[in-house]
C-alpha atoms as a PDB file:
ATOM      1  CA  MET A   1     128.010 194.878 110.120  1.00  0.00           C
ATOM      2  CA  LYS A   2     128.200 195.961 106.490  1.00  0.00           C
ATOM      3  CA  LYS A   3     131.848 196.504 105.509  1.00  0.00           C
ATOM      4  CA  LEU A   4     131.515 199.252 102.926  1.00  0.00           C
ATOM      5  CA  PHE A   5     135.227 200.044 103.126  1.00  0.00           C
ATOM      6  CA  ALA A   6     136.592 196.542 103.683  1.00  0.00           C
ATOM      7  CA  THR A   7     138.847 196.404 100.611  1.00  0.00           C
ATOM      8  CA  SER A   8     142.029 196.401 102.676  1.00  0.00           C
ATOM      9  CA  ALA A   9     143.453 194.662 105.678  1.00  0.00           C
ATOM     10  CA  ALA A  10     143.172 197.810 107.742  1.00  0.00           C
ATOM     11  CA  ALA A  11     139.451 198.110 107.048  1.00  0.00           C
ATOM     12  CA  ILE A  12     138.908 194.461 107.889  1.00  0.00           C
ATOM     13  CA  ALA A  13     140.974 194.864 111.048  1.00  0.00           C
ATOM     14  CA  LEU A  14     138.711 197.696 112.178  1.00  0.00           C
ATOM     15  CA  THR A  15     135.694 195.406 112.050  1.00  0.00           C
ATOM     16  CA  ALA A  16     137.204 191.969 112.658  1.00  0.00           C
ATOM     17  CA  GLY A  17     136.294 191.973 116.321  1.00  0.00           C
ATOM     18  CA  LEU A  18     133.074 193.941 115.965  1.00  0.00           C
ATOM     19  CA  SER A  19     130.835 191.803 113.767  1.00  0.00           C
ATOM     20  CA  ALA A  20     128.548 189.363 115.587  1.00  0.00           C
ATOM     21  CA  PRO A  21     130.583 189.142 118.808  1.00  0.00           C
ATOM     22  CA  THR A  22     131.085 185.641 120.151  1.00  0.00           C
ATOM     23  CA  GLN A  23     130.539 184.502 123.713  1.00  0.00           C
ATOM     24  CA  ALA A  24     133.266 185.490 126.143  1.00  0.00           C
ATOM     25  CA  ASP A  25     135.364 182.339 125.756  1.00  0.00           C
ATOM     26  CA  ASP A  26     134.205 181.074 122.341  1.00  0.00           C
ATOM     27  CA  LEU A  27     136.552 181.079 119.372  1.00  0.00           C
ATOM     28  CA  GLY A  28     135.088 182.744 116.298  1.00  0.00           C
ATOM     29  CA  ILE A  29     136.474 182.003 112.839  1.00  0.00           C
ATOM     30  CA  SER A  30     135.499 183.926 109.722  1.00  0.00           C
ATOM     31  CA  LEU A  31     136.584 183.658 106.103  1.00  0.00           C
ATOM     32  CA  ASN A  32     136.129 186.215 103.348  1.00  0.00           C
ATOM     33  CA  ALA A  33     136.783 186.212  99.616  1.00  0.00           C
ATOM     34  CA  GLY A  34     135.991 188.664  96.879  1.00  0.00           C
ATOM     35  CA  PHE A  35     136.904 190.627  93.789  1.00  0.00           C
ATOM     36  CA  VAL A  36     137.493 194.345  93.362  1.00  0.00           C
ATOM     37  CA  THR A  37     137.691 196.239  90.071  1.00  0.00           C
ATOM     38  CA  ASP A  38     140.471 198.489  91.423  1.00  0.00           C
ATOM     39  CA  TYR A  39     142.540 198.058  94.555  1.00  0.00           C
ATOM     40  CA  VAL A  40     142.334 201.462  96.244  1.00  0.00           C
ATOM     41  CA  PHE A  41     143.622 201.915  99.791  1.00  0.00           C
ATOM     42  CA  ARG A  42     143.376 205.224 101.645  1.00  0.00           C
ATOM     43  CA  GLY A  43     142.822 207.123  98.431  1.00  0.00           C
ATOM     44  CA  ASN A  44     145.720 205.528  96.531  1.00  0.00           C
ATOM     45  CA  GLN A  45     145.179 203.236  93.567  1.00  0.00           C
ATOM     46  CA  LEU A  46     147.648 200.477  94.405  1.00  0.00           C
ATOM     47  CA  SER A  47     146.717 198.024  91.669  1.00  0.00           C
ATOM     48  CA  GLY A  48     144.082 197.169  89.117  1.00  0.00           C
ATOM     49  CA  ALA A  49     141.393 194.529  89.352  1.00  0.00           C
ATOM     50  CA  GLY A  50     142.120 191.561  91.564  1.00  0.00           C
ATOM     51  CA  ALA A  51     140.781 188.807  93.772  1.00  0.00           C
ATOM     52  CA  TYR A  52     141.313 188.808  97.523  1.00  0.00           C
ATOM     53  CA  GLY A  53     140.683 186.665 100.561  1.00  0.00           C
ATOM     54  CA  GLY A  54     141.288 186.526 104.270  1.00  0.00           C
ATOM     55  CA  VAL A  55     140.780 184.688 107.528  1.00  0.00           C
ATOM     56  CA  ASP A  56     140.097 186.057 111.023  1.00  0.00           C
ATOM     57  CA  PHE A  57     140.194 184.457 114.460  1.00  0.00           C
ATOM     58  CA  GLU A  58     138.506 186.148 117.433  1.00  0.00           C
ATOM     59  CA  VAL A  59     138.014 185.282 121.076  1.00  0.00           C
ATOM     60  CA  ALA A  60     136.766 187.569 123.842  1.00  0.00           C
ATOM     61  CA  GLY A  61     137.367 190.615 121.627  1.00  0.00           C
ATOM     62  CA  PHE A  62     140.969 189.740 120.771  1.00  0.00           C
ATOM     63  CA  TYR A  63     141.555 189.057 117.085  1.00  0.00           C
ATOM     64  CA  VAL A  64     144.292 188.012 114.685  1.00  0.00           C
ATOM     65  CA  GLY A  65     144.010 187.634 110.945  1.00  0.00           C
ATOM     66  CA  ALA A  66     145.579 187.643 107.510  1.00  0.00           C
ATOM     67  CA  TRP A  67     144.438 189.061 104.191  1.00  0.00           C
ATOM     68  CA  ALA A  68     145.878 188.890 100.656  1.00  0.00           C
ATOM     69  CA  ILE A  69     145.085 190.456  97.289  1.00  0.00           C
ATOM     70  CA  GLN A  70     146.473 190.174  93.776  1.00  0.00           C
ATOM     71  CA  ASP A  71     148.832 193.114  93.339  1.00  0.00           C
ATOM     72  CA  HIS A  72     150.394 194.271  90.085  1.00  0.00           C
ATOM     73  CA  GLY A  73     151.943 197.443  91.487  1.00  0.00           C
ATOM     74  CA  ASN A  74     151.045 200.970  90.380  1.00  0.00           C
ATOM     75  CA  ASP A  75     152.263 202.976  87.424  1.00  0.00           C
ATOM     76  CA  ASP A  76     154.461 205.337  89.458  1.00  0.00           C
ATOM     77  CA  GLY A  77     156.479 202.695  91.309  1.00  0.00           C
ATOM     78  CA  PRO A  78     159.254 200.244  90.413  1.00  0.00           C
ATOM     79  CA  ALA A  79     156.994 197.264  91.046  1.00  0.00           C
ATOM     80  CA  PHE A  80     154.561 198.241  88.269  1.00  0.00           C
ATOM     81  CA  GLY A  81     153.706 195.207  86.185  1.00  0.00           C
ATOM     82  CA  SER A  82     154.768 192.781  88.905  1.00  0.00           C
ATOM     83  CA  THR A  83     152.573 189.754  89.328  1.00  0.00           C
ATOM     84  CA  GLY A  84     152.356 188.951  92.983  1.00  0.00           C
ATOM     85  CA  LEU A  85     150.441 189.385  96.189  1.00  0.00           C
ATOM     86  CA  GLU A  86     150.094 191.915  98.919  1.00  0.00           C
ATOM     87  CA  VAL A  87     149.943 189.862 102.112  1.00  0.00           C
ATOM     88  CA  ASP A  88     148.799 191.610 105.273  1.00  0.00           C
ATOM     89  CA  GLY A  89     148.639 190.529 108.878  1.00  0.00           C
ATOM     90  CA  TYR A  90     146.935 192.208 111.810  1.00  0.00           C
ATOM     91  CA  LEU A  91     146.081 191.676 115.452  1.00  0.00           C
ATOM     92  CA  GLY A  92     144.380 193.657 118.152  1.00  0.00           C
ATOM     93  CA  TYR A  93     141.406 194.032 120.417  1.00  0.00           C
ATOM     94  CA  GLY A  94     137.935 195.262 119.486  1.00  0.00           C
ATOM     95  CA  LEU A  95     134.700 195.614 121.394  1.00  0.00           C
ATOM     96  CA  GLU A  96     131.145 196.694 120.588  1.00  0.00           C
ATOM     97  CA  LEU A  97     128.722 197.475 123.404  1.00  0.00           C
ATOM     98  CA  GLU A  98     124.928 197.297 123.326  1.00  0.00           C
ATOM     99  CA  ASN A  99     124.633 201.092 123.124  1.00  0.00           C
ATOM    100  CA  SER A 100     126.468 201.003 119.752  1.00  0.00           C
ATOM    101  CA  PHE A 101     129.706 202.324 121.231  1.00  0.00           C
ATOM    102  CA  ASN A 102     132.743 200.494 119.828  1.00  0.00           C
ATOM    103  CA  PHE A 103     136.501 200.777 119.805  1.00  0.00           C
ATOM    104  CA  ASN A 104     139.477 198.966 118.329  1.00  0.00           C
ATOM    105  CA  VAL A 105     143.239 199.034 118.906  1.00  0.00           C
ATOM    106  CA  GLY A 106     145.693 197.024 116.871  1.00  0.00           C
ATOM    107  CA  TYR A 107     148.788 196.477 114.773  1.00  0.00           C
ATOM    108  CA  ASN A 108     148.852 196.066 110.979  1.00  0.00           C
ATOM    109  CA  ASN A 109     151.620 194.811 108.670  1.00  0.00           C
ATOM    110  CA  TYR A 110     151.616 195.151 104.883  1.00  0.00           C
ATOM    111  CA  SER A 111     154.094 192.990 102.914  1.00  0.00           C
ATOM    112  CA  TYR A 112     154.579 192.066  99.245  1.00  0.00           C
ATOM    113  CA  THR A 113     155.723 188.879  97.539  1.00  0.00           C
ATOM    114  CA  TYR A 114     157.448 190.830  94.749  1.00  0.00           C
ATOM    115  CA  SER A 115     159.286 193.395  96.895  1.00  0.00           C
ATOM    116  CA  SER A 116     161.170 193.816 100.171  1.00  0.00           C
ATOM    117  CA  ASP A 117     159.063 196.898 100.961  1.00  0.00           C
ATOM    118  CA  ARG A 118     156.752 196.732 103.943  1.00  0.00           C
ATOM    119  CA  GLU A 119     154.719 198.962 106.230  1.00  0.00           C
ATOM    120  CA  ASP A 120     154.042 198.545 109.937  1.00  0.00           C
ATOM    121  CA  GLU A 121     151.532 200.616 111.868  1.00  0.00           C
ATOM    122  CA  VAL A 122     149.739 200.825 115.192  1.00  0.00           C
ATOM    123  CA  GLY A 123     146.538 202.638 115.984  1.00  0.00           C
ATOM    124  CA  GLY A 124     142.844 202.186 116.349  1.00  0.00           C
ATOM    125  CA  SER A 125     139.372 203.621 116.122  1.00  0.00           C
ATOM    126  CA  ILE A 126     136.477 204.685 118.287  1.00  0.00           C
ATOM    127  CA  GLY A 127     132.878 204.837 117.126  1.00  0.00           C
ATOM    128  CA  PHE A 128     129.343 205.613 118.212  1.00  0.00           C
ATOM    129  CA  TYR A 129     126.095 205.002 116.300  1.00  0.00           C
ATOM    130  CA  GLY A 130     127.759 204.619 112.904  1.00  0.00           C
ATOM    131  CA  PHE A 131     130.244 207.479 113.267  1.00  0.00           C
ATOM    132  CA  ALA A 132     133.921 206.601 113.779  1.00  0.00           C
ATOM    133  CA  VAL A 133     137.318 208.262 114.086  1.00  0.00           C
ATOM    134  CA  SER A 134     140.482 206.317 113.227  1.00  0.00           C
ATOM    135  CA  TYR A 135     144.164 207.098 113.740  1.00  0.00           C
ATOM    136  CA  TYR A 136     147.305 205.163 112.756  1.00  0.00           C
ATOM    137  CA  TYR A 137     151.015 205.872 113.128  1.00  0.00           C
ATOM    138  CA  GLY A 138     153.217 203.889 110.786  1.00  0.00           C
ATOM    139  CA  TRP A 139     156.669 203.116 109.475  1.00  0.00           C
ATOM    140  CA  ASP A 140     157.160 202.729 105.705  1.00  0.00           C
ATOM    141  CA  HIS A 141     160.209 200.545 104.961  1.00  0.00           C
ATOM    142  CA  ASP A 142     160.986 201.399 101.341  1.00  0.00           C
ATOM    143  CA  TYR A 143     163.656 199.251  99.663  1.00  0.00           C
ATOM    144  CA  ARG A 144     165.160 200.405  96.369  1.00  0.00           C
ATOM    145  CA  PRO A 145     167.790 198.368  94.473  1.00  0.00           C
ATOM    146  CA  GLY A 146     171.134 200.173  94.492  1.00  0.00           C
ATOM    147  CA  ASN A 147     170.428 202.220  97.609  1.00  0.00           C
ATOM    148  CA  SER A 148     173.094 202.023 100.298  1.00  0.00           C
ATOM    149  CA  LYS A 149     170.382 201.490 102.894  1.00  0.00           C
ATOM    150  CA  ASP A 150     166.648 201.095 103.141  1.00  0.00           C
ATOM    151  CA  LEU A 151     164.538 204.186 103.692  1.00  0.00           C
ATOM    152  CA  VAL A 152     162.275 204.187 106.728  1.00  0.00           C
ATOM    153  CA  VAL A 153     159.719 206.981 106.730  1.00  0.00           C
ATOM    154  CA  GLU A 154     157.247 207.578 109.535  1.00  0.00           C
ATOM    155  CA  TYR A 155     153.706 208.628 108.693  1.00  0.00           C
ATOM    156  CA  GLN A 156     150.380 209.488 110.254  1.00  0.00           C
ATOM    157  CA  TYR A 157     146.951 208.637 108.925  1.00  0.00           C
ATOM    158  CA  TYR A 158     143.543 209.568 110.292  1.00  0.00           C
ATOM    159  CA  ASP A 159     139.961 209.585 109.056  1.00  0.00           C
ATOM    160  CA  VAL A 160     136.391 210.302 110.067  1.00  0.00           C
ATOM    161  CA  SER A 161     133.659 208.049 108.707  1.00  0.00           C
ATOM    162  CA  TRP A 162     129.990 207.234 108.889  1.00  0.00           C
ATOM    163  CA  SER A 163     128.512 203.876 107.931  1.00  0.00           C
ATOM    164  CA  GLY A 164     124.829 203.006 107.703  1.00  0.00           C
ATOM    165  CA  GLU A 165     122.996 199.941 106.498  1.00  0.00           C
ATOM    166  CA  TYR A 166     123.305 200.835 102.822  1.00  0.00           C
ATOM    167  CA  PHE A 167     125.432 203.987 102.623  1.00  0.00           C
ATOM    168  CA  GLY A 168     128.780 205.167 103.936  1.00  0.00           C
ATOM    169  CA  ALA A 169     131.056 208.202 103.779  1.00  0.00           C
ATOM    170  CA  LEU A 170     134.670 208.779 104.771  1.00  0.00           C
ATOM    171  CA  ILE A 171     137.213 211.601 104.697  1.00  0.00           C
ATOM    172  CA  GLY A 172     140.858 210.887 105.483  1.00  0.00           C
ATOM    173  CA  HIS A 173     144.294 212.487 105.563  1.00  0.00           C
ATOM    174  CA  TYR A 174     147.818 211.060 105.167  1.00  0.00           C
ATOM    175  CA  ASN A 175     151.015 212.876 106.147  1.00  0.00           C
ATOM    176  CA  LEU A 176     154.701 211.924 106.110  1.00  0.00           C
ATOM    177  CA  GLU A 177     156.667 212.933 109.179  1.00  0.00           C
ATOM    178  CA  GLY A 178     159.687 215.235 108.695  1.00  0.00           C
ATOM    179  CA  ASP A 179     160.569 217.572 105.838  1.00  0.00           C
ATOM    180  CA  THR A 180     163.195 215.618 103.927  1.00  0.00           C
ATOM    181  CA  VAL A 181     164.173 212.070 103.053  1.00  0.00           C
ATOM    182  CA  ALA A 182     167.556 210.419 102.701  1.00  0.00           C
ATOM    183  CA  PRO A 183     169.353 210.949  99.369  1.00  0.00           C
ATOM    184  CA  GLU A 184     169.486 207.180  98.960  1.00  0.00           C
ATOM    185  CA  ALA A 185     165.726 207.309  98.495  1.00  0.00           C
ATOM    186  CA  ASP A 186     165.654 208.766  94.994  1.00  0.00           C
ATOM    187  CA  ASN A 187     162.146 208.422  93.575  1.00  0.00           C
ATOM    188  CA  ALA A 188     161.131 206.376  96.609  1.00  0.00           C
ATOM    189  CA  ILE A 189     158.304 208.460  98.059  1.00  0.00           C
ATOM    190  CA  ASP A 190     157.200 211.706  96.435  1.00  0.00           C
ATOM    191  CA  GLU A 191     153.976 212.674  98.181  1.00  0.00           C
ATOM    192  CA  LYS A 192     154.323 214.545 101.455  1.00  0.00           C
ATOM    193  CA  SER A 193     150.624 214.667 102.282  1.00  0.00           C
ATOM    194  CA  TYR A 194     147.176 214.385 100.752  1.00  0.00           C
ATOM    195  CA  SER A 195     143.501 214.111 101.655  1.00  0.00           C
ATOM    196  CA  TYR A 196     140.670 212.104 100.131  1.00  0.00           C
ATOM    197  CA  PHE A 197     137.008 211.290 100.540  1.00  0.00           C
ATOM    198  CA  GLU A 198     134.852 208.312  99.640  1.00  0.00           C
ATOM    199  CA  LEU A 199     131.113 207.783  99.204  1.00  0.00           C
ATOM    200  CA  SER A 200     129.857 204.205  99.128  1.00  0.00           C
ATOM    201  CA  THR A 201     126.640 202.304  98.778  1.00  0.00           C
ATOM    202  CA  GLY A 202     126.102 198.593  99.056  1.00  0.00           C
ATOM    203  CA  GLY A 203     123.953 195.702 100.102  1.00  0.00           C
ATOM    204  CA  GLU A 204     123.343 192.007  99.677  1.00  0.00           C
ATOM    205  CA  VAL A 205     122.677 190.718  96.164  1.00  0.00           C
ATOM    206  CA  ALA A 206     122.034 186.988  95.676  1.00  0.00           C
ATOM    207  CA  THR A 207     123.835 186.183  98.970  1.00  0.00           C
ATOM    208  CA  LEU A 208     126.856 188.286  97.946  1.00  0.00           C
ATOM    209  CA  ASP A 209     127.969 191.567  99.528  1.00  0.00           C
ATOM    210  CA  VAL A 210     128.178 194.171  96.763  1.00  0.00           C
ATOM    211  CA  SER A 211     129.390 197.754  97.172  1.00  0.00           C
ATOM    212  CA  VAL A 212     130.184 200.634  94.835  1.00  0.00           C
ATOM    213  CA  THR A 213     132.553 203.406  95.906  1.00  0.00           C
ATOM    214  CA  TYR A 214     133.335 206.806  94.438  1.00  0.00           C
ATOM    215  CA  GLY A 215     136.411 208.566  95.792  1.00  0.00           C
ATOM    216  CA  ARG A 216     138.502 211.654  95.179  1.00  0.00           C
ATOM    217  CA  LYS A 217     142.091 212.325  96.218  1.00  0.00           C
ATOM    218  CA  PHE A 218     142.976 216.005  96.630  1.00  0.00           C
ATOM    219  CA  GLY A 219     145.228 218.505  98.406  1.00  0.00           C
ATOM    220  CA  ILE A 220     148.379 216.689  97.331  1.00  0.00           C
ATOM    221  CA  LYS A 221     151.664 218.160  98.571  1.00  0.00           C
ATOM    222  CA  THR A 222     155.013 216.826  97.351  1.00  0.00           C
ATOM    223  CA  LEU A 223     158.314 216.531  99.199  1.00  0.00           C
ATOM    224  CA  SER A 224     159.712 219.353  97.043  1.00  0.00           C
ATOM    225  CA  GLY A 225     157.082 221.682  98.493  1.00  0.00           C
ATOM    226  CA  ASP A 226     155.077 221.954  95.282  1.00  0.00           C
ATOM    227  CA  ASP A 227     151.424 221.157  94.913  1.00  0.00           C
ATOM    228  CA  GLY A 228     150.764 217.875  93.190  1.00  0.00           C
ATOM    229  CA  ASN A 229     147.786 217.342  90.927  1.00  0.00           C
ATOM    230  CA  ASP A 230     145.782 220.471  91.799  1.00  0.00           C
ATOM    231  CA  THR A 231     142.671 219.113  90.117  1.00  0.00           C
ATOM    232  CA  GLY A 232     142.702 215.936  92.201  1.00  0.00           C
ATOM    233  CA  THR A 233     142.109 212.396  91.029  1.00  0.00           C
ATOM    234  CA  ASP A 234     138.819 210.492  90.982  1.00  0.00           C
ATOM    235  CA  TYR A 235     138.177 206.785  91.170  1.00  0.00           C
ATOM    236  CA  PHE A 236     135.279 204.340  91.093  1.00  0.00           C
ATOM    237  CA  LEU A 237     135.402 200.754  92.254  1.00  0.00           C
ATOM    238  CA  LEU A 238     133.092 197.779  92.537  1.00  0.00           C
ATOM    239  CA  ASP A 239     133.618 195.242  95.311  1.00  0.00           C
ATOM    240  CA  VAL A 240     131.880 191.849  95.369  1.00  0.00           C
ATOM    241  CA  SER A 241     132.558 189.558  98.324  1.00  0.00           C
ATOM    242  CA  LYS A 242     131.294 186.693 100.437  1.00  0.00           C
ATOM    243  CA  SER A 243     131.938 186.000 104.123  1.00  0.00           C
ATOM    244  CA  PHE A 244     131.545 182.848 106.190  1.00  0.00           C
ATOM    245  CA  SER A 245     131.545 182.589 109.981  1.00  0.00           C
ATOM    246  CA  PHE A 246     132.003 179.509 112.157  1.00  0.00           C
END
């Protein structure tokens, strides 16, 4: 299966158990490594260019894996300029049937070597003939030096996507739960909700998987109730990767 959106642990988790299913009791092991010109996850530019890699284990549809990428933080957070890694772990169950129906349920964790922040989420996806709907409910543990306590914010994320052999499209939405945050969380999380879409094309070039993605983030609402960047923000990214299965 072509992973047009596999530039994050969540995207890999959605397909970890769905690509070339193994026999019922056989252990499947896959490795992946690559480079992306911008690390964009769910419409947010989290870092600049960086290398990434991961490993997945799958047996009878159950999977567990880890994924890491160079992460320098973004320009609106306290970790900007940090040199470190985002290290993600995930586990779950995925199945693809002969009639192209597939589903996935799982847990994802996002952690950082340069920060105590982390996110945990549970959810899954269901798909049929290239179309898929995904939903995740998560907890954002946001640590800020000097705060009397960590901020934990709950969020929802969902998207609808289509993926073909060479082209893909996705539209997603992110929303924080609740109307306010604790006063200890000054400058912690500013965006209340936003939407985004992505258009991708890709294929195999000299044994490498290459994809190009254009995306736009829009409909930004802030915690203060004001609109964010009304004009939206655009991004382009190039992803070059290689996968190995055993």
